[in-house]
N, C-alpha and C. Protein backbone atom coordinates (compact mmCIF):
# COMPACT_ATOMS: atom_id res chain seq x y z
N UNK A 1 146.51 -113.12 1.80
CA UNK A 1 146.69 -114.53 1.48
C UNK A 1 147.71 -115.19 2.41
N UNK A 2 148.64 -114.42 2.95
CA UNK A 2 149.59 -114.98 3.89
C UNK A 2 149.40 -114.37 5.27
N UNK A 3 148.31 -113.66 5.47
CA UNK A 3 148.07 -113.02 6.74
C UNK A 3 147.89 -114.06 7.84
N UNK A 4 148.27 -113.76 9.08
CA UNK A 4 148.18 -114.73 10.15
C UNK A 4 146.77 -115.17 10.48
N UNK A 5 145.77 -114.34 10.13
CA UNK A 5 144.39 -114.70 10.45
C UNK A 5 143.71 -115.44 9.31
N UNK A 6 144.44 -115.75 8.26
CA UNK A 6 143.87 -116.50 7.14
C UNK A 6 143.74 -117.97 7.54
N UNK A 7 142.53 -118.47 7.60
CA UNK A 7 142.29 -119.84 8.02
C UNK A 7 142.06 -120.77 6.84
N UNK A 8 141.87 -120.22 5.65
CA UNK A 8 141.56 -121.06 4.50
C UNK A 8 142.74 -121.11 3.54
N UNK A 9 143.09 -119.96 2.97
CA UNK A 9 144.20 -119.88 2.04
C UNK A 9 145.38 -119.23 2.74
N UNK A 10 146.53 -119.84 2.71
CA UNK A 10 147.71 -119.23 3.29
C UNK A 10 148.95 -119.80 2.61
N UNK A 11 150.02 -118.99 2.59
CA UNK A 11 151.25 -119.41 1.96
C UNK A 11 152.06 -120.27 2.91
N UNK A 12 152.87 -121.14 2.31
CA UNK A 12 153.76 -121.98 3.09
C UNK A 12 155.10 -122.04 2.39
N UNK A 13 156.11 -121.44 3.02
CA UNK A 13 157.45 -121.43 2.42
C UNK A 13 158.47 -121.22 3.52
N UNK A 14 159.73 -121.52 3.24
CA UNK A 14 160.79 -121.25 4.19
C UNK A 14 160.87 -119.75 4.40
N UNK A 15 160.83 -119.32 5.65
CA UNK A 15 160.73 -117.90 5.93
C UNK A 15 161.75 -117.51 6.99
N UNK A 16 162.46 -116.42 6.75
CA UNK A 16 163.45 -115.92 7.70
C UNK A 16 162.76 -114.90 8.61
N UNK A 17 162.07 -115.40 9.62
CA UNK A 17 161.32 -114.53 10.53
C UNK A 17 162.27 -113.73 11.41
N UNK A 18 161.97 -112.47 11.58
CA UNK A 18 162.71 -111.62 12.49
C UNK A 18 162.02 -111.53 13.84
N UNK A 19 160.73 -111.90 13.88
CA UNK A 19 159.96 -111.92 15.12
C UNK A 19 159.34 -113.30 15.26
N UNK A 20 159.59 -113.95 16.37
CA UNK A 20 159.06 -115.30 16.58
C UNK A 20 157.87 -115.32 17.53
N UNK A 21 157.75 -114.32 18.38
CA UNK A 21 156.62 -114.26 19.31
C UNK A 21 155.35 -113.91 18.55
N UNK A 22 154.31 -114.74 18.59
CA UNK A 22 153.09 -114.50 17.81
C UNK A 22 152.42 -113.17 18.14
N UNK A 23 152.32 -112.81 19.41
CA UNK A 23 151.67 -111.56 19.79
C UNK A 23 152.46 -110.35 19.31
N UNK A 24 153.77 -110.42 19.46
CA UNK A 24 154.62 -109.32 19.01
C UNK A 24 154.55 -109.17 17.49
N UNK A 25 154.53 -110.32 16.80
CA UNK A 25 154.43 -110.29 15.34
C UNK A 25 153.11 -109.68 14.90
N UNK A 26 152.02 -110.06 15.54
CA UNK A 26 150.70 -109.53 15.19
C UNK A 26 150.65 -108.02 15.40
N UNK A 27 151.26 -107.55 16.49
CA UNK A 27 151.27 -106.12 16.77
C UNK A 27 152.06 -105.36 15.71
N UNK A 28 153.21 -105.93 15.30
CA UNK A 28 154.01 -105.29 14.27
C UNK A 28 153.29 -105.28 12.92
N UNK A 29 152.58 -106.37 12.63
CA UNK A 29 151.82 -106.44 11.37
C UNK A 29 150.72 -105.38 11.36
N UNK A 30 150.08 -105.16 12.49
CA UNK A 30 149.03 -104.14 12.58
C UNK A 30 149.61 -102.75 12.35
N UNK A 31 150.76 -102.48 12.97
CA UNK A 31 151.40 -101.18 12.78
C UNK A 31 151.81 -100.99 11.31
N UNK A 32 152.40 -102.03 10.75
CA UNK A 32 152.81 -101.95 9.35
C UNK A 32 151.62 -101.74 8.41
N UNK A 33 150.50 -102.40 8.73
CA UNK A 33 149.32 -102.27 7.89
C UNK A 33 148.81 -100.84 7.84
N UNK A 34 148.82 -100.16 8.97
CA UNK A 34 148.40 -98.76 9.01
C UNK A 34 149.36 -97.89 8.21
N UNK A 35 150.64 -98.14 8.36
CA UNK A 35 151.65 -97.37 7.62
C UNK A 35 151.52 -97.62 6.12
N UNK A 36 151.22 -98.86 5.75
CA UNK A 36 151.10 -99.20 4.33
C UNK A 36 149.94 -98.44 3.68
N UNK A 37 148.80 -98.41 4.34
CA UNK A 37 147.65 -97.70 3.78
C UNK A 37 147.89 -96.19 3.75
N UNK A 38 148.58 -95.66 4.78
CA UNK A 38 148.93 -94.24 4.76
C UNK A 38 149.83 -93.93 3.57
N UNK A 39 150.74 -94.86 3.28
CA UNK A 39 151.66 -94.67 2.16
C UNK A 39 150.91 -94.69 0.83
N UNK A 40 149.90 -95.54 0.73
CA UNK A 40 149.06 -95.56 -0.48
C UNK A 40 148.45 -94.19 -0.72
N UNK A 41 147.91 -93.58 0.33
CA UNK A 41 147.31 -92.25 0.22
C UNK A 41 148.33 -91.22 -0.23
N UNK A 42 149.54 -91.30 0.33
CA UNK A 42 150.59 -90.35 -0.05
C UNK A 42 150.97 -90.51 -1.51
N UNK A 43 151.06 -91.76 -1.96
CA UNK A 43 151.41 -91.99 -3.36
C UNK A 43 150.32 -91.45 -4.28
N UNK A 44 149.07 -91.69 -3.92
CA UNK A 44 147.95 -91.18 -4.73
C UNK A 44 148.03 -89.67 -4.82
N UNK A 45 148.24 -89.01 -3.69
CA UNK A 45 148.29 -87.55 -3.68
C UNK A 45 149.46 -87.02 -4.49
N UNK A 46 150.55 -87.76 -4.55
CA UNK A 46 151.73 -87.30 -5.29
C UNK A 46 151.52 -87.39 -6.80
N UNK A 47 150.53 -88.17 -7.23
CA UNK A 47 150.26 -88.32 -8.66
C UNK A 47 149.02 -87.57 -9.13
N UNK A 48 148.50 -86.68 -8.30
CA UNK A 48 147.31 -85.94 -8.69
C UNK A 48 147.63 -84.79 -9.63
N UNK A 49 148.90 -84.42 -9.73
CA UNK A 49 149.28 -83.36 -10.65
C UNK A 49 149.21 -83.87 -12.08
N UNK A 50 148.62 -83.09 -13.00
CA UNK A 50 148.43 -83.56 -14.38
C UNK A 50 149.74 -83.81 -15.13
N UNK A 51 150.82 -83.16 -14.70
CA UNK A 51 152.09 -83.32 -15.41
C UNK A 51 152.89 -84.52 -14.90
N UNK A 52 152.27 -85.34 -14.03
CA UNK A 52 152.95 -86.51 -13.52
C UNK A 52 152.06 -87.74 -13.70
N UNK A 53 151.98 -88.28 -14.90
CA UNK A 53 151.13 -89.46 -15.13
C UNK A 53 151.65 -90.68 -14.39
N UNK A 54 150.72 -91.52 -13.95
CA UNK A 54 151.10 -92.71 -13.17
C UNK A 54 151.40 -93.89 -14.08
N UNK A 55 152.43 -94.62 -13.73
CA UNK A 55 152.75 -95.90 -14.34
C UNK A 55 153.00 -96.89 -13.22
N UNK A 56 152.38 -98.06 -13.30
CA UNK A 56 152.61 -99.10 -12.30
C UNK A 56 153.98 -99.70 -12.52
N UNK A 57 154.83 -99.61 -11.52
CA UNK A 57 156.21 -100.08 -11.62
C UNK A 57 156.51 -101.12 -10.54
N UNK A 58 157.55 -101.93 -10.81
CA UNK A 58 158.01 -102.89 -9.81
C UNK A 58 158.41 -102.18 -8.52
N UNK A 59 159.00 -101.01 -8.66
CA UNK A 59 159.50 -100.29 -7.49
C UNK A 59 158.37 -99.95 -6.52
N UNK A 60 157.19 -99.60 -7.04
CA UNK A 60 156.04 -99.29 -6.17
C UNK A 60 155.58 -100.54 -5.44
N UNK A 61 155.51 -101.64 -6.17
CA UNK A 61 155.09 -102.90 -5.59
C UNK A 61 156.03 -103.34 -4.46
N UNK A 62 157.33 -103.29 -4.73
CA UNK A 62 158.31 -103.73 -3.74
C UNK A 62 158.35 -102.78 -2.54
N UNK A 63 158.12 -101.51 -2.79
CA UNK A 63 158.10 -100.53 -1.70
C UNK A 63 156.96 -100.82 -0.74
N UNK A 64 155.77 -101.07 -1.27
CA UNK A 64 154.62 -101.35 -0.40
C UNK A 64 154.77 -102.68 0.32
N UNK A 65 155.39 -103.65 -0.34
CA UNK A 65 155.63 -104.93 0.34
C UNK A 65 156.65 -104.74 1.47
N UNK A 66 157.66 -103.93 1.23
CA UNK A 66 158.66 -103.68 2.27
C UNK A 66 158.00 -103.08 3.50
N UNK A 67 157.06 -102.18 3.29
CA UNK A 67 156.37 -101.57 4.42
C UNK A 67 155.53 -102.59 5.19
N UNK A 68 154.95 -103.54 4.47
CA UNK A 68 154.11 -104.56 5.12
C UNK A 68 154.93 -105.52 5.97
N UNK A 69 156.15 -105.81 5.55
CA UNK A 69 156.97 -106.83 6.23
C UNK A 69 158.15 -106.26 6.99
N UNK A 70 158.24 -104.93 7.06
CA UNK A 70 159.38 -104.31 7.73
C UNK A 70 159.44 -104.73 9.20
N UNK A 71 160.61 -105.19 9.62
CA UNK A 71 160.79 -105.63 11.00
C UNK A 71 160.24 -107.01 11.28
N UNK A 72 159.65 -107.66 10.27
CA UNK A 72 159.04 -108.97 10.44
C UNK A 72 159.80 -110.04 9.68
N UNK A 73 160.21 -109.71 8.46
CA UNK A 73 160.85 -110.70 7.61
C UNK A 73 162.08 -110.11 6.93
N UNK A 74 163.11 -110.93 6.78
CA UNK A 74 164.31 -110.49 6.07
C UNK A 74 164.08 -110.41 4.57
N UNK A 75 162.94 -110.94 4.11
CA UNK A 75 162.59 -110.87 2.69
C UNK A 75 161.72 -109.66 2.37
N UNK A 76 161.57 -108.74 3.30
CA UNK A 76 160.73 -107.55 3.05
C UNK A 76 161.25 -106.79 1.84
N UNK A 77 160.35 -106.56 0.89
CA UNK A 77 160.73 -105.81 -0.30
C UNK A 77 161.47 -106.62 -1.34
N UNK A 78 161.43 -107.96 -1.20
CA UNK A 78 162.13 -108.83 -2.15
C UNK A 78 161.21 -109.97 -2.59
N UNK A 79 161.39 -110.42 -3.83
CA UNK A 79 160.63 -111.55 -4.31
C UNK A 79 161.10 -112.83 -3.61
N UNK A 80 160.21 -113.81 -3.55
CA UNK A 80 160.55 -115.08 -2.92
C UNK A 80 161.68 -115.79 -3.68
N UNK A 81 162.55 -116.48 -2.95
CA UNK A 81 163.69 -117.14 -3.59
C UNK A 81 163.40 -118.57 -4.04
N UNK A 82 162.22 -119.08 -3.72
CA UNK A 82 161.92 -120.49 -4.02
C UNK A 82 160.43 -120.64 -4.27
N UNK A 83 160.01 -121.91 -4.52
CA UNK A 83 158.61 -122.19 -4.73
C UNK A 83 157.79 -121.97 -3.48
N UNK A 84 156.47 -121.94 -3.65
CA UNK A 84 155.57 -121.68 -2.53
C UNK A 84 154.26 -122.41 -2.77
N UNK A 85 153.60 -122.76 -1.68
CA UNK A 85 152.29 -123.40 -1.77
C UNK A 85 151.26 -122.53 -1.08
N UNK A 86 150.00 -122.59 -1.55
CA UNK A 86 148.91 -121.84 -0.94
C UNK A 86 147.95 -122.85 -0.33
N UNK A 87 147.94 -122.94 0.98
CA UNK A 87 147.06 -123.87 1.65
C UNK A 87 145.60 -123.54 1.40
N UNK A 88 144.78 -124.54 1.13
CA UNK A 88 143.36 -124.33 0.91
C UNK A 88 143.01 -123.93 -0.50
N UNK A 89 144.00 -123.90 -1.39
CA UNK A 89 143.74 -123.52 -2.77
C UNK A 89 144.29 -124.57 -3.71
N UNK A 90 143.61 -124.77 -4.84
CA UNK A 90 144.09 -125.71 -5.84
C UNK A 90 145.12 -125.10 -6.77
N UNK A 91 145.39 -123.82 -6.60
CA UNK A 91 146.35 -123.13 -7.47
C UNK A 91 147.78 -123.30 -6.97
N UNK A 92 148.68 -123.67 -7.87
CA UNK A 92 150.10 -123.74 -7.55
C UNK A 92 150.79 -122.55 -8.22
N UNK A 93 151.33 -121.62 -7.45
CA UNK A 93 151.97 -120.45 -8.04
C UNK A 93 153.17 -120.84 -8.91
N UNK A 94 153.51 -120.01 -9.87
CA UNK A 94 154.64 -120.30 -10.76
C UNK A 94 155.96 -120.31 -10.01
N UNK A 95 156.97 -120.92 -10.63
CA UNK A 95 158.28 -121.00 -10.01
C UNK A 95 158.88 -119.62 -9.76
N UNK A 96 159.79 -119.56 -8.80
CA UNK A 96 160.40 -118.28 -8.42
C UNK A 96 161.11 -117.61 -9.59
N UNK A 97 161.68 -118.40 -10.49
CA UNK A 97 162.42 -117.82 -11.61
C UNK A 97 161.50 -117.08 -12.59
N UNK A 98 160.20 -117.35 -12.52
CA UNK A 98 159.25 -116.70 -13.42
C UNK A 98 158.64 -115.44 -12.82
N UNK A 99 158.81 -115.23 -11.53
CA UNK A 99 158.11 -114.15 -10.83
C UNK A 99 158.41 -112.77 -11.39
N UNK A 100 159.68 -112.36 -11.56
CA UNK A 100 159.93 -110.99 -12.04
C UNK A 100 159.26 -110.70 -13.39
N UNK A 101 159.36 -111.62 -14.32
CA UNK A 101 158.76 -111.42 -15.63
C UNK A 101 157.25 -111.34 -15.56
N UNK A 102 156.63 -112.19 -14.75
CA UNK A 102 155.17 -112.18 -14.63
C UNK A 102 154.67 -110.89 -13.98
N UNK A 103 155.41 -110.39 -13.00
CA UNK A 103 155.02 -109.13 -12.36
C UNK A 103 155.15 -107.98 -13.35
N UNK A 104 156.20 -108.01 -14.17
CA UNK A 104 156.35 -106.98 -15.20
C UNK A 104 155.20 -107.03 -16.19
N UNK A 105 154.78 -108.24 -16.57
CA UNK A 105 153.64 -108.38 -17.48
C UNK A 105 152.37 -107.83 -16.85
N UNK A 106 152.19 -108.03 -15.55
CA UNK A 106 151.03 -107.49 -14.85
C UNK A 106 151.05 -105.97 -14.91
N UNK A 107 152.20 -105.38 -14.66
CA UNK A 107 152.33 -103.93 -14.72
C UNK A 107 152.04 -103.43 -16.14
N UNK A 108 152.57 -104.14 -17.14
CA UNK A 108 152.33 -103.75 -18.54
C UNK A 108 150.84 -103.76 -18.86
N UNK A 109 150.13 -104.78 -18.38
CA UNK A 109 148.69 -104.88 -18.64
C UNK A 109 147.97 -103.66 -18.10
N UNK A 110 148.29 -103.29 -16.87
CA UNK A 110 147.64 -102.13 -16.25
C UNK A 110 147.97 -100.86 -17.02
N UNK A 111 149.23 -100.67 -17.34
CA UNK A 111 149.65 -99.44 -18.02
C UNK A 111 149.07 -99.34 -19.43
N UNK A 112 149.02 -100.47 -20.13
CA UNK A 112 148.51 -100.46 -21.50
C UNK A 112 146.99 -100.26 -21.56
N UNK A 113 146.29 -100.66 -20.50
CA UNK A 113 144.83 -100.53 -20.48
C UNK A 113 144.36 -99.36 -19.61
N UNK A 114 145.29 -98.53 -19.17
CA UNK A 114 144.96 -97.47 -18.21
C UNK A 114 143.87 -96.54 -18.72
N UNK A 115 143.94 -96.16 -19.97
CA UNK A 115 143.00 -95.17 -20.50
C UNK A 115 141.68 -95.78 -20.97
N UNK A 116 141.65 -97.10 -21.13
CA UNK A 116 140.46 -97.73 -21.72
C UNK A 116 139.67 -98.59 -20.75
N UNK A 117 140.31 -99.17 -19.77
CA UNK A 117 139.63 -100.05 -18.82
C UNK A 117 139.13 -99.25 -17.61
N UNK A 118 138.09 -99.74 -16.98
CA UNK A 118 137.54 -99.04 -15.81
C UNK A 118 138.45 -99.21 -14.60
N UNK A 119 138.26 -98.33 -13.64
CA UNK A 119 139.03 -98.41 -12.39
C UNK A 119 138.78 -99.74 -11.69
N UNK A 120 137.53 -100.19 -11.69
CA UNK A 120 137.19 -101.44 -11.02
C UNK A 120 137.85 -102.63 -11.71
N UNK A 121 137.90 -102.62 -13.04
CA UNK A 121 138.53 -103.74 -13.75
C UNK A 121 140.02 -103.80 -13.44
N UNK A 122 140.70 -102.68 -13.53
CA UNK A 122 142.14 -102.67 -13.30
C UNK A 122 142.47 -103.07 -11.86
N UNK A 123 141.68 -102.56 -10.91
CA UNK A 123 141.92 -102.92 -9.51
C UNK A 123 141.66 -104.40 -9.27
N UNK A 124 140.61 -104.93 -9.91
CA UNK A 124 140.29 -106.35 -9.77
C UNK A 124 141.37 -107.22 -10.41
N UNK A 125 141.85 -106.79 -11.56
CA UNK A 125 142.90 -107.55 -12.25
C UNK A 125 144.15 -107.64 -11.39
N UNK A 126 144.59 -106.51 -10.84
CA UNK A 126 145.79 -106.50 -10.00
C UNK A 126 145.59 -107.36 -8.76
N UNK A 127 144.42 -107.24 -8.15
CA UNK A 127 144.13 -108.01 -6.95
C UNK A 127 144.24 -109.51 -7.22
N UNK A 128 143.70 -109.94 -8.36
CA UNK A 128 143.79 -111.36 -8.71
C UNK A 128 145.19 -111.75 -9.17
N UNK A 129 145.74 -111.01 -10.11
CA UNK A 129 146.99 -111.44 -10.75
C UNK A 129 148.15 -111.50 -9.77
N UNK A 130 148.22 -110.54 -8.87
CA UNK A 130 149.33 -110.55 -7.90
C UNK A 130 149.18 -111.73 -6.95
N UNK A 131 147.94 -112.03 -6.56
CA UNK A 131 147.72 -113.21 -5.74
C UNK A 131 148.05 -114.48 -6.51
N UNK A 132 147.73 -114.49 -7.80
CA UNK A 132 148.01 -115.67 -8.63
C UNK A 132 149.52 -115.90 -8.76
N UNK A 133 150.27 -114.83 -8.98
CA UNK A 133 151.73 -114.94 -9.07
C UNK A 133 152.31 -115.30 -7.71
N UNK A 134 151.75 -114.73 -6.66
CA UNK A 134 152.23 -114.96 -5.29
C UNK A 134 153.74 -114.74 -5.21
N UNK A 135 154.19 -113.52 -5.46
CA UNK A 135 155.62 -113.29 -5.62
C UNK A 135 156.45 -113.25 -4.34
N UNK A 136 155.78 -113.25 -3.17
CA UNK A 136 156.50 -113.08 -1.92
C UNK A 136 156.35 -114.31 -1.01
N UNK A 137 157.26 -114.43 -0.06
CA UNK A 137 157.15 -115.51 0.90
C UNK A 137 156.03 -115.26 1.89
N UNK A 138 155.72 -113.99 2.14
CA UNK A 138 154.67 -113.62 3.07
C UNK A 138 154.16 -112.23 2.67
N UNK A 139 152.96 -111.90 3.09
CA UNK A 139 152.42 -110.57 2.81
C UNK A 139 151.84 -110.42 1.42
N UNK A 140 151.58 -111.52 0.72
CA UNK A 140 151.02 -111.43 -0.63
C UNK A 140 149.63 -110.80 -0.61
N UNK A 141 148.78 -111.24 0.32
CA UNK A 141 147.43 -110.71 0.39
C UNK A 141 147.41 -109.24 0.74
N UNK A 142 148.16 -108.87 1.76
CA UNK A 142 148.19 -107.47 2.19
C UNK A 142 148.70 -106.56 1.08
N UNK A 143 149.75 -107.00 0.41
CA UNK A 143 150.33 -106.16 -0.63
C UNK A 143 149.44 -106.10 -1.87
N UNK A 144 148.81 -107.20 -2.24
CA UNK A 144 147.92 -107.18 -3.40
C UNK A 144 146.72 -106.28 -3.13
N UNK A 145 146.21 -106.29 -1.91
CA UNK A 145 145.07 -105.43 -1.58
C UNK A 145 145.49 -103.95 -1.59
N UNK A 146 146.71 -103.67 -1.12
CA UNK A 146 147.20 -102.29 -1.12
C UNK A 146 147.43 -101.78 -2.54
N UNK A 147 148.06 -102.61 -3.39
CA UNK A 147 148.30 -102.21 -4.77
C UNK A 147 146.99 -102.05 -5.53
N UNK A 148 146.06 -102.95 -5.30
CA UNK A 148 144.75 -102.86 -5.95
C UNK A 148 144.05 -101.56 -5.57
N UNK A 149 144.11 -101.21 -4.29
CA UNK A 149 143.47 -99.99 -3.82
C UNK A 149 144.17 -98.76 -4.38
N UNK A 150 145.49 -98.84 -4.50
CA UNK A 150 146.26 -97.75 -5.10
C UNK A 150 145.81 -97.52 -6.55
N UNK A 151 145.71 -98.60 -7.31
CA UNK A 151 145.28 -98.50 -8.71
C UNK A 151 143.86 -97.95 -8.79
N UNK A 152 142.98 -98.42 -7.90
CA UNK A 152 141.59 -97.94 -7.89
C UNK A 152 141.54 -96.43 -7.68
N UNK A 153 142.27 -95.94 -6.68
CA UNK A 153 142.27 -94.51 -6.38
C UNK A 153 142.86 -93.68 -7.52
N UNK A 154 144.00 -94.14 -8.04
CA UNK A 154 144.68 -93.38 -9.08
C UNK A 154 143.90 -93.36 -10.38
N UNK A 155 143.25 -94.49 -10.71
CA UNK A 155 142.47 -94.51 -11.95
C UNK A 155 141.25 -93.61 -11.83
N UNK A 156 140.66 -93.52 -10.62
CA UNK A 156 139.55 -92.59 -10.39
C UNK A 156 140.05 -91.16 -10.40
N UNK A 157 141.26 -90.96 -9.87
CA UNK A 157 141.89 -89.64 -9.93
C UNK A 157 142.06 -88.92 -8.62
N UNK A 158 141.72 -89.58 -7.51
CA UNK A 158 141.88 -88.92 -6.21
C UNK A 158 141.77 -89.96 -5.10
N UNK A 159 142.24 -89.61 -3.89
CA UNK A 159 142.10 -90.55 -2.76
C UNK A 159 140.64 -90.83 -2.46
N UNK A 160 140.38 -92.02 -1.97
CA UNK A 160 139.03 -92.41 -1.58
C UNK A 160 138.95 -92.39 -0.05
N UNK A 161 138.05 -91.60 0.47
CA UNK A 161 137.99 -91.43 1.91
C UNK A 161 136.96 -92.36 2.54
N UNK A 162 137.04 -92.46 3.84
CA UNK A 162 136.16 -93.35 4.59
C UNK A 162 136.98 -94.30 5.43
N UNK A 163 136.64 -94.41 6.71
CA UNK A 163 137.39 -95.26 7.62
C UNK A 163 137.32 -96.73 7.24
N UNK A 164 136.16 -97.15 6.74
CA UNK A 164 135.96 -98.56 6.39
C UNK A 164 136.36 -98.78 4.94
N UNK A 165 137.68 -98.73 4.68
CA UNK A 165 138.19 -98.80 3.32
C UNK A 165 137.98 -100.18 2.71
N UNK A 166 138.11 -100.26 1.40
CA UNK A 166 137.97 -101.53 0.70
C UNK A 166 138.93 -102.58 1.26
N UNK A 167 140.24 -102.28 1.42
CA UNK A 167 141.15 -103.30 2.00
C UNK A 167 140.74 -103.72 3.40
N UNK A 168 140.27 -102.76 4.21
CA UNK A 168 139.85 -103.09 5.58
C UNK A 168 138.65 -104.02 5.57
N UNK A 169 137.71 -103.79 4.67
CA UNK A 169 136.52 -104.65 4.59
C UNK A 169 136.89 -106.06 4.16
N UNK A 170 137.82 -106.18 3.22
CA UNK A 170 138.25 -107.51 2.79
C UNK A 170 138.89 -108.25 3.95
N UNK A 171 139.71 -107.54 4.72
CA UNK A 171 140.38 -108.17 5.87
C UNK A 171 139.38 -108.64 6.92
N UNK A 172 138.23 -107.96 7.00
CA UNK A 172 137.22 -108.32 8.00
C UNK A 172 136.46 -109.59 7.63
N UNK A 173 136.29 -109.82 6.35
CA UNK A 173 135.56 -111.01 5.88
C UNK A 173 136.19 -111.46 4.57
N UNK A 174 137.07 -112.44 4.64
CA UNK A 174 137.84 -112.83 3.46
C UNK A 174 137.16 -113.89 2.60
N UNK A 175 136.07 -114.46 3.05
CA UNK A 175 135.44 -115.53 2.28
C UNK A 175 135.01 -115.09 0.88
N UNK A 176 134.27 -113.97 0.73
CA UNK A 176 133.91 -113.54 -0.63
C UNK A 176 135.14 -113.24 -1.48
N UNK A 177 136.16 -112.72 -0.86
CA UNK A 177 137.43 -112.41 -1.53
C UNK A 177 138.09 -113.69 -2.06
N UNK A 178 138.16 -114.70 -1.22
CA UNK A 178 138.75 -115.98 -1.65
C UNK A 178 137.92 -116.61 -2.77
N UNK A 179 136.61 -116.56 -2.64
CA UNK A 179 135.74 -117.13 -3.67
C UNK A 179 135.94 -116.44 -5.01
N UNK A 180 136.08 -115.12 -4.98
CA UNK A 180 136.27 -114.36 -6.21
C UNK A 180 137.63 -114.68 -6.84
N UNK A 181 138.65 -114.84 -6.01
CA UNK A 181 139.97 -115.21 -6.52
C UNK A 181 139.93 -116.59 -7.17
N UNK A 182 139.23 -117.51 -6.53
CA UNK A 182 139.13 -118.87 -7.08
C UNK A 182 138.41 -118.87 -8.43
N UNK A 183 137.40 -118.03 -8.56
CA UNK A 183 136.67 -117.94 -9.83
C UNK A 183 137.58 -117.42 -10.93
N UNK A 184 138.40 -116.42 -10.61
CA UNK A 184 139.34 -115.90 -11.61
C UNK A 184 140.41 -116.92 -11.93
N UNK A 185 140.86 -117.69 -10.93
CA UNK A 185 141.84 -118.77 -11.17
C UNK A 185 141.27 -119.80 -12.14
N UNK A 186 140.00 -120.16 -11.94
CA UNK A 186 139.36 -121.15 -12.79
C UNK A 186 139.26 -120.66 -14.23
N UNK A 187 138.92 -119.39 -14.39
CA UNK A 187 138.84 -118.82 -15.74
C UNK A 187 140.20 -118.82 -16.40
N UNK A 188 141.22 -118.48 -15.63
CA UNK A 188 142.58 -118.46 -16.17
C UNK A 188 143.04 -119.85 -16.60
N UNK A 189 142.64 -120.87 -15.84
CA UNK A 189 142.98 -122.25 -16.21
C UNK A 189 142.38 -122.62 -17.55
N UNK A 190 141.26 -121.98 -17.91
CA UNK A 190 140.62 -122.22 -19.20
C UNK A 190 141.11 -121.27 -20.28
N UNK A 191 142.15 -120.50 -19.98
CA UNK A 191 142.74 -119.61 -20.96
C UNK A 191 142.07 -118.25 -21.07
N UNK A 192 141.29 -117.86 -20.06
CA UNK A 192 140.58 -116.59 -20.11
C UNK A 192 140.95 -115.71 -18.94
N UNK A 193 140.94 -114.41 -19.17
CA UNK A 193 141.05 -113.44 -18.08
C UNK A 193 139.64 -112.96 -17.76
N UNK A 194 139.13 -113.39 -16.63
CA UNK A 194 137.78 -113.02 -16.23
C UNK A 194 137.79 -112.71 -14.74
N UNK A 195 137.74 -111.42 -14.43
CA UNK A 195 137.76 -110.99 -13.03
C UNK A 195 136.44 -110.31 -12.65
N UNK A 196 135.37 -110.70 -13.33
CA UNK A 196 134.07 -110.07 -13.09
C UNK A 196 133.60 -110.23 -11.66
N UNK A 197 133.84 -111.40 -11.07
CA UNK A 197 133.37 -111.61 -9.69
C UNK A 197 134.14 -110.70 -8.73
N UNK A 198 135.41 -110.50 -9.01
CA UNK A 198 136.20 -109.59 -8.17
C UNK A 198 135.73 -108.15 -8.37
N UNK A 199 135.41 -107.78 -9.61
CA UNK A 199 134.90 -106.44 -9.89
C UNK A 199 133.61 -106.19 -9.10
N UNK A 200 132.71 -107.16 -9.10
CA UNK A 200 131.45 -107.01 -8.38
C UNK A 200 131.70 -106.87 -6.87
N UNK A 201 132.66 -107.63 -6.37
CA UNK A 201 133.00 -107.53 -4.95
C UNK A 201 133.53 -106.14 -4.62
N UNK A 202 134.47 -105.65 -5.42
CA UNK A 202 135.04 -104.32 -5.18
C UNK A 202 133.98 -103.24 -5.32
N UNK A 203 133.08 -103.42 -6.25
CA UNK A 203 131.98 -102.47 -6.44
C UNK A 203 131.16 -102.34 -5.16
N UNK A 204 130.79 -103.46 -4.57
CA UNK A 204 129.95 -103.44 -3.37
C UNK A 204 130.73 -102.88 -2.17
N UNK A 205 132.01 -103.22 -2.07
CA UNK A 205 132.82 -102.74 -0.95
C UNK A 205 133.07 -101.24 -1.06
N UNK A 206 133.30 -100.76 -2.27
CA UNK A 206 133.52 -99.32 -2.46
C UNK A 206 132.24 -98.56 -2.13
N UNK A 207 131.10 -99.09 -2.54
CA UNK A 207 129.82 -98.44 -2.22
C UNK A 207 129.63 -98.34 -0.71
N UNK A 208 130.01 -99.39 -0.01
CA UNK A 208 129.87 -99.40 1.45
C UNK A 208 130.82 -98.37 2.08
N UNK A 209 132.03 -98.28 1.54
CA UNK A 209 133.00 -97.31 2.05
C UNK A 209 132.49 -95.88 1.89
N UNK A 210 131.99 -95.57 0.69
CA UNK A 210 131.51 -94.21 0.43
C UNK A 210 130.22 -93.91 1.18
N UNK A 211 129.39 -94.93 1.38
CA UNK A 211 128.18 -94.74 2.18
C UNK A 211 128.56 -94.38 3.62
N UNK A 212 129.64 -94.95 4.10
CA UNK A 212 130.10 -94.62 5.44
C UNK A 212 130.46 -93.15 5.58
N UNK A 213 131.05 -92.58 4.52
CA UNK A 213 131.37 -91.15 4.52
C UNK A 213 130.08 -90.33 4.59
N UNK A 214 129.08 -90.74 3.80
CA UNK A 214 127.79 -90.03 3.79
C UNK A 214 127.12 -90.11 5.16
N UNK A 215 127.19 -91.28 5.79
CA UNK A 215 126.58 -91.44 7.10
C UNK A 215 127.29 -90.58 8.15
N UNK A 216 128.61 -90.46 8.02
CA UNK A 216 129.35 -89.57 8.94
C UNK A 216 128.90 -88.12 8.74
N UNK A 217 128.70 -87.74 7.47
CA UNK A 217 128.28 -86.36 7.19
C UNK A 217 126.90 -86.09 7.76
N UNK A 218 126.04 -87.11 7.78
CA UNK A 218 124.69 -86.95 8.30
C UNK A 218 124.64 -87.06 9.82
N UNK A 219 125.79 -87.48 10.41
CA UNK A 219 125.82 -87.67 11.86
C UNK A 219 125.19 -88.95 12.30
N UNK A 220 125.09 -89.92 11.37
CA UNK A 220 124.47 -91.20 11.69
C UNK A 220 125.39 -92.03 12.55
């Protein structure tokens, strides 16, 4: 949502940039993105032991955000200090003073529904809700996609392999992603939690990711 290649929806806030050169910043973002996804895999693997049940915590969220913005922003790993606007969207994120509590509520929802909700629902909920809260000055989209993928893998119970991962596919074509977020925003405005469109999107992207593994096995 705040990625430099986002042409429709993007955040706008006072930002303490550590890198001002656009090319250098893009290169650092690419490096950070690879490290962030590698870290997701490591976290998933660390929770595969049955005696270590997973709970979604603020610390995990802030850790992955820090990795996304490391060397780029002085706000890496910290919530935004002020209000923010999302260009191209009718949604106005909540005030900065509400962010910590709303993120805690998001974590509570995931943890309370862990045993009863599907992996796709929980991943879709996190993907939407974190974007809706928009807790950071930058890197909201990257971090929400990483956390969503983390929840998807952990709820299934193991890492999901394939070079064309769900987060990578979203980054390649963000239009369906934005449309699904807008649909969930509209439902929320009417007092409902409805992330079905996001679930369907993740379903199709996950199928494509796993099909890629099968095609590699076949030598296609």
